Amino acid sequence: MITGTTLFALGVTLFYAPNNLITGGVSGLSIIIRNVSELYLPFTIPIWLANITLNAPLFIFGAKLLGMKFLRRTLVATVYLTAAYYFAEFLPELRLGENDLFLAAVFGGVTCGAGLGIVFRGRATTGGTDILASIIHKYKKHIALSKIIFIADFFIIMTGLFIFGPTHAMYAIVAVFISTRVISSILEGFSFAKAAFIISDRPEEISNKILEEIERGATWLNGRGTYTGKEKNVILCVLSSKEIIELKRIVHSVDERAFVIVTDVREVMGEGFREAL
């Protein structure tokens, strides 16, 4: 959570805030408050102060309606995020200019998406609209959480549209898209692998060679050919991408008529791969 919230705070402070990119959530509202205070107040309300001020009432209502157990990890993440915002204020801003808003959207989206993805993997959120959506969903269960969050973020982005103009709003949407893709990649995993399904009349020889030469285990699945009606053992084996060429060589050396299907695997946990969380 510390790593994720720090990355998210850096993305907001270095890329979003200096370039007026409003991407939804309490962080987006905090950027709006900071910029409006610079224009109309004798003092500037920093992002960290706006963030904790906006989150405080949501936590109070959330704790009463949802229970503190539900919000405990989110509370920790929000406190860390506020602290990260505070210390990030001391870093120099990256004002990339109107012609480089795309760079701000790309790098901000990647940084914030990576931060949020890590926080989500820690089974927490950064508060804000997530808590609001959970409260509404408690009483309106027919409305999906994702839809509530989308509507809340939409109104925040529209507020940014009226304040900073359509160009910044469109680049903010680009940033949201990139951030969403990065979050999905982190949650689903980066450890791409391959799964091979091998249909052969000599499954035992192929399995033994895979175990001996590649040092990968295999599983036999029961199958039946629809044309021949014969029972067959289908070999299932999960390997790294670089081991697929060796697998094909082994299969071909044992049974030239074998039928091999290779498919992508997004994430693998277990023996020989990443440990389960």
Protein backbone atom coordinates (compact mmCIF):
# COMPACT_ATOMS: atom_id res chain seq x y z
CA MET A 1 0.00 0.00 0.00
CA ILE A 2 2.88 2.36 0.76
CA THR A 3 4.48 1.71 -2.63
CA GLY A 4 1.20 2.02 -4.50
CA THR A 5 0.02 5.21 -2.80
CA THR A 6 3.45 6.81 -3.27
CA LEU A 7 3.39 6.09 -7.01
CA PHE A 8 -0.17 7.39 -7.29
CA ALA A 9 0.70 10.58 -5.41
CA LEU A 10 3.71 11.16 -7.67
CA GLY A 11 1.57 10.69 -10.78
CA VAL A 12 -1.02 13.20 -9.56
CA THR A 13 1.47 15.76 -8.25
CA LEU A 14 4.01 15.62 -11.08
CA PHE A 15 1.78 15.07 -14.12
CA TYR A 16 -1.93 15.62 -13.49
CA ALA A 17 -2.04 18.66 -11.20
CA PRO A 18 0.53 20.91 -12.99
CA ASN A 19 -1.18 20.27 -16.34
CA ASN A 20 -4.80 20.52 -15.09
CA LEU A 21 -5.77 16.96 -16.00
CA ILE A 22 -8.85 15.97 -14.00
CA THR A 23 -9.30 12.19 -14.03
CA GLY A 24 -12.07 11.70 -11.51
CA GLY A 25 -12.15 10.68 -7.87
CA VAL A 26 -11.29 12.75 -4.82
CA SER A 27 -7.85 13.38 -6.30
CA GLY A 28 -9.49 15.08 -9.28
CA LEU A 29 -11.62 17.21 -6.98
CA SER A 30 -8.52 18.09 -4.97
CA ILE A 31 -6.79 19.36 -8.12
CA ILE A 32 -9.84 21.50 -8.93
CA ILE A 33 -9.94 22.91 -5.39
CA ARG A 34 -6.23 23.74 -5.51
CA ASN A 35 -6.50 25.57 -8.81
CA VAL A 36 -9.69 27.45 -7.88
CA SER A 37 -8.17 28.52 -4.56
CA GLU A 38 -5.13 29.91 -6.41
CA LEU A 39 -7.45 32.11 -8.47
CA TYR A 40 -10.07 33.25 -5.97
CA LEU A 41 -8.57 32.89 -2.47
CA PRO A 42 -5.66 34.70 -0.82
CA PHE A 43 -4.09 31.31 -0.09
CA THR A 44 -3.72 28.00 -1.92
CA ILE A 45 -5.37 24.83 -0.62
CA PRO A 46 -2.81 22.03 -1.22
CA ILE A 47 -3.86 18.68 -2.65
CA TRP A 48 -3.03 16.78 0.54
CA LEU A 49 -5.31 19.03 2.63
CA ALA A 50 -8.18 18.84 0.14
CA ASN A 51 -7.78 15.05 -0.07
CA ILE A 52 -8.03 14.42 3.67
CA THR A 53 -10.83 17.00 4.08
CA LEU A 54 -12.98 15.42 1.38
CA ASN A 55 -12.30 11.88 2.58
CA ALA A 56 -13.00 12.54 6.27
CA PRO A 57 -16.84 12.82 6.03
CA LEU A 58 -16.96 9.85 3.66
CA PHE A 59 -15.07 7.74 6.20
CA ILE A 60 -17.35 8.83 9.02
CA PHE A 61 -20.49 7.86 7.11
CA GLY A 62 -18.81 4.75 5.72
CA ALA A 63 -17.73 3.55 9.18
CA LYS A 64 -21.26 3.97 10.50
CA LEU A 65 -23.03 2.35 7.56
CA LEU A 66 -20.48 -0.24 6.37
CA GLY A 67 -18.48 -0.95 9.51
CA MET A 68 -14.89 -0.12 10.35
CA LYS A 69 -13.69 -3.61 9.47
CA PHE A 70 -14.68 -2.98 5.86
CA LEU A 71 -12.76 0.32 5.73
CA ARG A 72 -9.68 -0.49 7.81
CA ARG A 73 -7.26 -1.11 4.95
CA THR A 74 -8.72 1.76 2.96
CA LEU A 75 -8.18 4.08 5.93
CA VAL A 76 -4.51 3.11 6.08
CA ALA A 77 -4.09 3.63 2.32
CA THR A 78 -5.80 7.03 2.44
CA VAL A 79 -3.63 8.23 5.32
CA TYR A 80 -0.49 7.12 3.47
CA LEU A 81 -1.76 8.81 0.29
CA THR A 82 -2.32 12.09 2.14
CA ALA A 83 1.21 11.90 3.58
CA ALA A 84 2.61 11.14 0.10
CA TYR A 85 0.77 14.16 -1.32
CA TYR A 86 2.27 16.32 1.42
CA PHE A 87 5.87 15.28 0.74
CA ALA A 88 5.34 15.36 -3.04
CA GLU A 89 4.53 19.08 -2.74
CA PHE A 90 8.25 19.66 -2.20
CA LEU A 91 9.12 18.19 -5.61
CA PRO A 92 9.42 20.49 -8.66
CA GLU A 93 6.32 20.54 -10.85
CA LEU A 94 6.51 19.25 -14.42
CA ARG A 95 4.58 21.84 -16.39
CA LEU A 96 4.84 20.27 -19.83
CA GLY A 97 2.74 22.90 -21.61
CA GLU A 98 -0.22 22.75 -23.97
CA ASN A 99 1.74 20.95 -26.69
CA ASP A 100 2.87 18.20 -24.33
CA LEU A 101 -0.40 17.35 -22.58
CA PHE A 102 -0.22 13.97 -24.28
CA LEU A 103 3.04 13.20 -22.46
CA ALA A 104 1.45 14.24 -19.17
CA ALA A 105 -1.54 11.99 -19.88
CA VAL A 106 0.64 9.00 -20.84
CA PHE A 107 3.16 9.20 -18.01
CA GLY A 108 0.52 10.24 -15.50
CA GLY A 109 -1.73 7.37 -16.57
CA VAL A 110 1.08 4.82 -16.32
CA THR A 111 2.30 6.09 -12.93
CA CYS A 112 -1.15 6.44 -11.35
CA GLY A 113 -2.35 3.18 -12.88
CA ALA A 114 0.66 1.32 -11.50
CA GLY A 115 0.07 2.85 -8.07
CA LEU A 116 -3.63 2.01 -7.97
CA GLY A 117 -2.99 -1.49 -9.30
CA ILE A 118 -0.53 -2.18 -6.48
CA VAL A 119 -2.96 -0.77 -3.90
CA PHE A 120 -5.79 -2.94 -5.27
CA ARG A 121 -3.53 -6.01 -5.12
CA GLY A 122 -3.10 -5.18 -1.44
CA ARG A 123 -6.90 -5.53 -1.11
CA ALA A 124 -7.42 -1.83 -0.36
CA THR A 125 -8.58 1.34 -2.11
CA THR A 126 -7.60 4.98 -1.81
CA GLY A 127 -11.05 5.97 -0.51
CA GLY A 128 -13.05 8.75 -2.13
CA THR A 129 -15.61 7.67 -4.71
CA ASP A 130 -15.02 3.99 -3.83
CA ILE A 131 -16.47 4.59 -0.35
CA LEU A 132 -19.31 6.69 -1.76
CA ALA A 133 -20.13 3.95 -4.26
CA SER A 134 -20.10 1.29 -1.51
CA ILE A 135 -22.51 3.36 0.61
CA ILE A 136 -24.92 3.89 -2.30
CA HIS A 137 -24.66 0.23 -3.32
CA LYS A 138 -25.62 -0.84 0.20
CA TYR A 139 -29.06 0.72 -0.26
CA LYS A 140 -29.35 0.42 -4.05
CA LYS A 141 -28.06 -3.08 -4.68
CA HIS A 142 -29.53 -3.17 -8.19
CA ILE A 143 -26.98 -0.52 -9.25
CA ALA A 144 -23.53 -1.96 -9.95
CA LEU A 145 -20.56 -0.52 -8.05
CA SER A 146 -18.69 0.14 -11.28
CA LYS A 147 -21.61 2.16 -12.64
CA ILE A 148 -21.80 4.33 -9.50
CA ILE A 149 -18.05 5.01 -9.62
CA PHE A 150 -18.28 5.79 -13.34
CA ILE A 151 -21.11 8.29 -12.81
CA ALA A 152 -19.27 10.02 -9.94
CA ASP A 153 -16.04 10.25 -11.92
CA PHE A 154 -17.95 11.46 -14.99
CA PHE A 155 -19.35 14.44 -13.10
CA ILE A 156 -15.89 15.27 -11.72
CA ILE A 157 -14.36 15.16 -15.21
CA MET A 158 -17.21 17.34 -16.51
CA THR A 159 -16.41 19.86 -13.78
CA GLY A 160 -12.84 19.87 -15.02
CA LEU A 161 -14.16 20.38 -18.56
CA PHE A 162 -15.94 23.60 -17.60
CA ILE A 163 -12.99 24.92 -15.58
CA PHE A 164 -10.01 23.94 -17.75
CA GLY A 165 -11.61 23.53 -21.17
CA PRO A 166 -12.28 20.65 -23.61
CA THR A 167 -8.63 20.02 -24.55
CA HIS A 168 -7.60 19.18 -21.00
CA ALA A 169 -10.76 17.09 -20.53
CA MET A 170 -10.02 15.00 -23.63
CA TYR A 171 -6.45 14.37 -22.53
CA ALA A 172 -7.78 13.47 -19.09
CA ILE A 173 -9.91 10.75 -20.73
CA VAL A 174 -6.75 9.45 -22.46
CA ALA A 175 -5.05 9.32 -19.06
CA VAL A 176 -8.01 7.41 -17.56
CA PHE A 177 -7.88 4.86 -20.40
CA ILE A 178 -4.14 4.29 -19.97
CA SER A 179 -4.47 4.09 -16.19
CA THR A 180 -7.27 1.52 -16.48
CA ARG A 181 -5.19 -0.66 -18.80
CA VAL A 182 -2.19 -0.53 -16.48
CA ILE A 183 -4.38 -1.42 -13.47
CA SER A 184 -5.80 -4.42 -15.35
CA SER A 185 -2.30 -5.58 -16.32
CA ILE A 186 -1.08 -5.43 -12.72
CA LEU A 187 -4.17 -7.16 -11.30
CA GLU A 188 -4.12 -9.90 -13.95
CA GLY A 189 -0.35 -10.27 -13.88
CA PHE A 190 2.62 -9.61 -16.13
CA SER A 191 4.01 -13.15 -16.03
CA PHE A 192 2.86 -14.24 -19.47
CA ALA A 193 3.18 -17.97 -20.15
CA LYS A 194 1.94 -20.56 -22.64
CA ALA A 195 -0.38 -23.51 -22.21
CA ALA A 196 -0.03 -26.45 -24.61
CA PHE A 197 -2.69 -29.08 -25.25
CA ILE A 198 -1.20 -32.14 -26.95
CA ILE A 199 -3.34 -34.88 -28.47
CA SER A 200 -1.29 -37.95 -29.34
CA ASP A 201 -1.41 -41.75 -29.39
CA ARG A 202 1.85 -41.74 -27.41
CA PRO A 203 1.11 -39.44 -24.46
CA GLU A 204 3.29 -41.30 -21.95
CA GLU A 205 6.49 -40.96 -24.03
CA ILE A 206 5.83 -37.27 -24.68
CA SER A 207 5.09 -36.56 -21.01
CA ASN A 208 8.26 -38.31 -19.88
CA LYS A 209 10.41 -36.38 -22.36
CA ILE A 210 8.85 -33.06 -21.27
CA LEU A 211 9.65 -33.92 -17.66
CA GLU A 212 13.22 -35.03 -18.42
CA GLU A 213 14.32 -32.43 -20.97
CA ILE A 214 12.33 -29.30 -20.02
CA GLU A 215 11.73 -30.24 -16.37
CA ARG A 216 8.05 -29.35 -16.59
CA GLY A 217 5.23 -31.45 -15.27
CA ALA A 218 2.15 -32.30 -17.31
CA THR A 219 -1.44 -33.33 -16.63
CA TRP A 220 -3.47 -35.89 -18.55
CA LEU A 221 -7.04 -34.97 -19.37
CA ASN A 222 -9.58 -37.54 -20.56
CA GLY A 223 -10.80 -36.91 -24.08
CA ARG A 224 -12.65 -38.64 -26.90
CA GLY A 225 -12.35 -37.97 -30.64
CA THR A 226 -15.70 -37.14 -32.21
CA TYR A 227 -14.68 -38.67 -35.55
CA THR A 228 -13.00 -41.89 -34.34
CA GLY A 229 -14.90 -42.22 -31.06
CA LYS A 230 -11.65 -43.37 -29.40
CA GLU A 231 -10.65 -42.43 -25.86
CA LYS A 232 -7.45 -40.44 -25.67
CA ASN A 233 -5.32 -38.74 -23.04
CA VAL A 234 -4.84 -35.04 -23.74
CA ILE A 235 -1.60 -33.67 -22.28
CA LEU A 236 -1.87 -30.24 -20.65
CA CYS A 237 1.43 -28.50 -19.98
CA VAL A 238 2.13 -24.90 -18.91
CA LEU A 239 5.51 -23.44 -19.88
CA SER A 240 7.33 -20.18 -20.29
CA SER A 241 7.28 -18.64 -23.78
CA LYS A 242 10.90 -19.57 -24.51
CA GLU A 243 10.23 -23.27 -23.73
CA ILE A 244 7.54 -23.66 -26.41
CA ILE A 245 10.06 -24.24 -29.22
CA GLU A 246 11.68 -27.07 -27.25
CA LEU A 247 8.25 -28.56 -26.54
CA LYS A 248 7.36 -28.60 -30.23
CA ARG A 249 10.66 -30.33 -31.01
CA ILE A 250 9.99 -33.00 -28.39
CA VAL A 251 6.44 -33.67 -29.58
CA HIS A 252 7.52 -33.85 -33.22
CA SER A 253 10.36 -36.25 -32.40
CA VAL A 254 7.97 -38.66 -30.65
CA ASP A 255 4.83 -38.37 -32.75
CA GLU A 256 4.80 -36.49 -36.04
CA ARG A 257 1.00 -36.85 -36.24
CA ALA A 258 0.39 -35.28 -32.81
CA PHE A 259 -2.09 -32.40 -32.62
CA VAL A 260 -0.74 -29.45 -30.62
CA ILE A 261 -2.66 -26.37 -29.46
CA VAL A 262 -0.69 -23.49 -27.90
CA THR A 263 -2.51 -20.67 -26.16
CA ASP A 264 -1.53 -17.62 -24.11
CA VAL A 265 -1.78 -17.71 -20.32
CA ARG A 266 -2.09 -14.40 -18.49
CA GLU A 267 -0.95 -15.50 -15.04
CA VAL A 268 0.36 -18.70 -13.47
CA MET A 269 0.71 -19.46 -9.77
CA GLY A 270 2.23 -22.62 -8.37
CA GLU A 271 5.25 -24.89 -8.64
CA GLY A 272 7.82 -23.53 -11.09
CA PHE A 273 6.02 -20.20 -11.44
CA ARG A 274 4.98 -17.33 -9.18
CA GLU A 275 3.92 -18.22 -5.66
CA ALA A 276 0.26 -17.81 -4.75
CA LEU A 277 -0.68 -14.65 -2.86
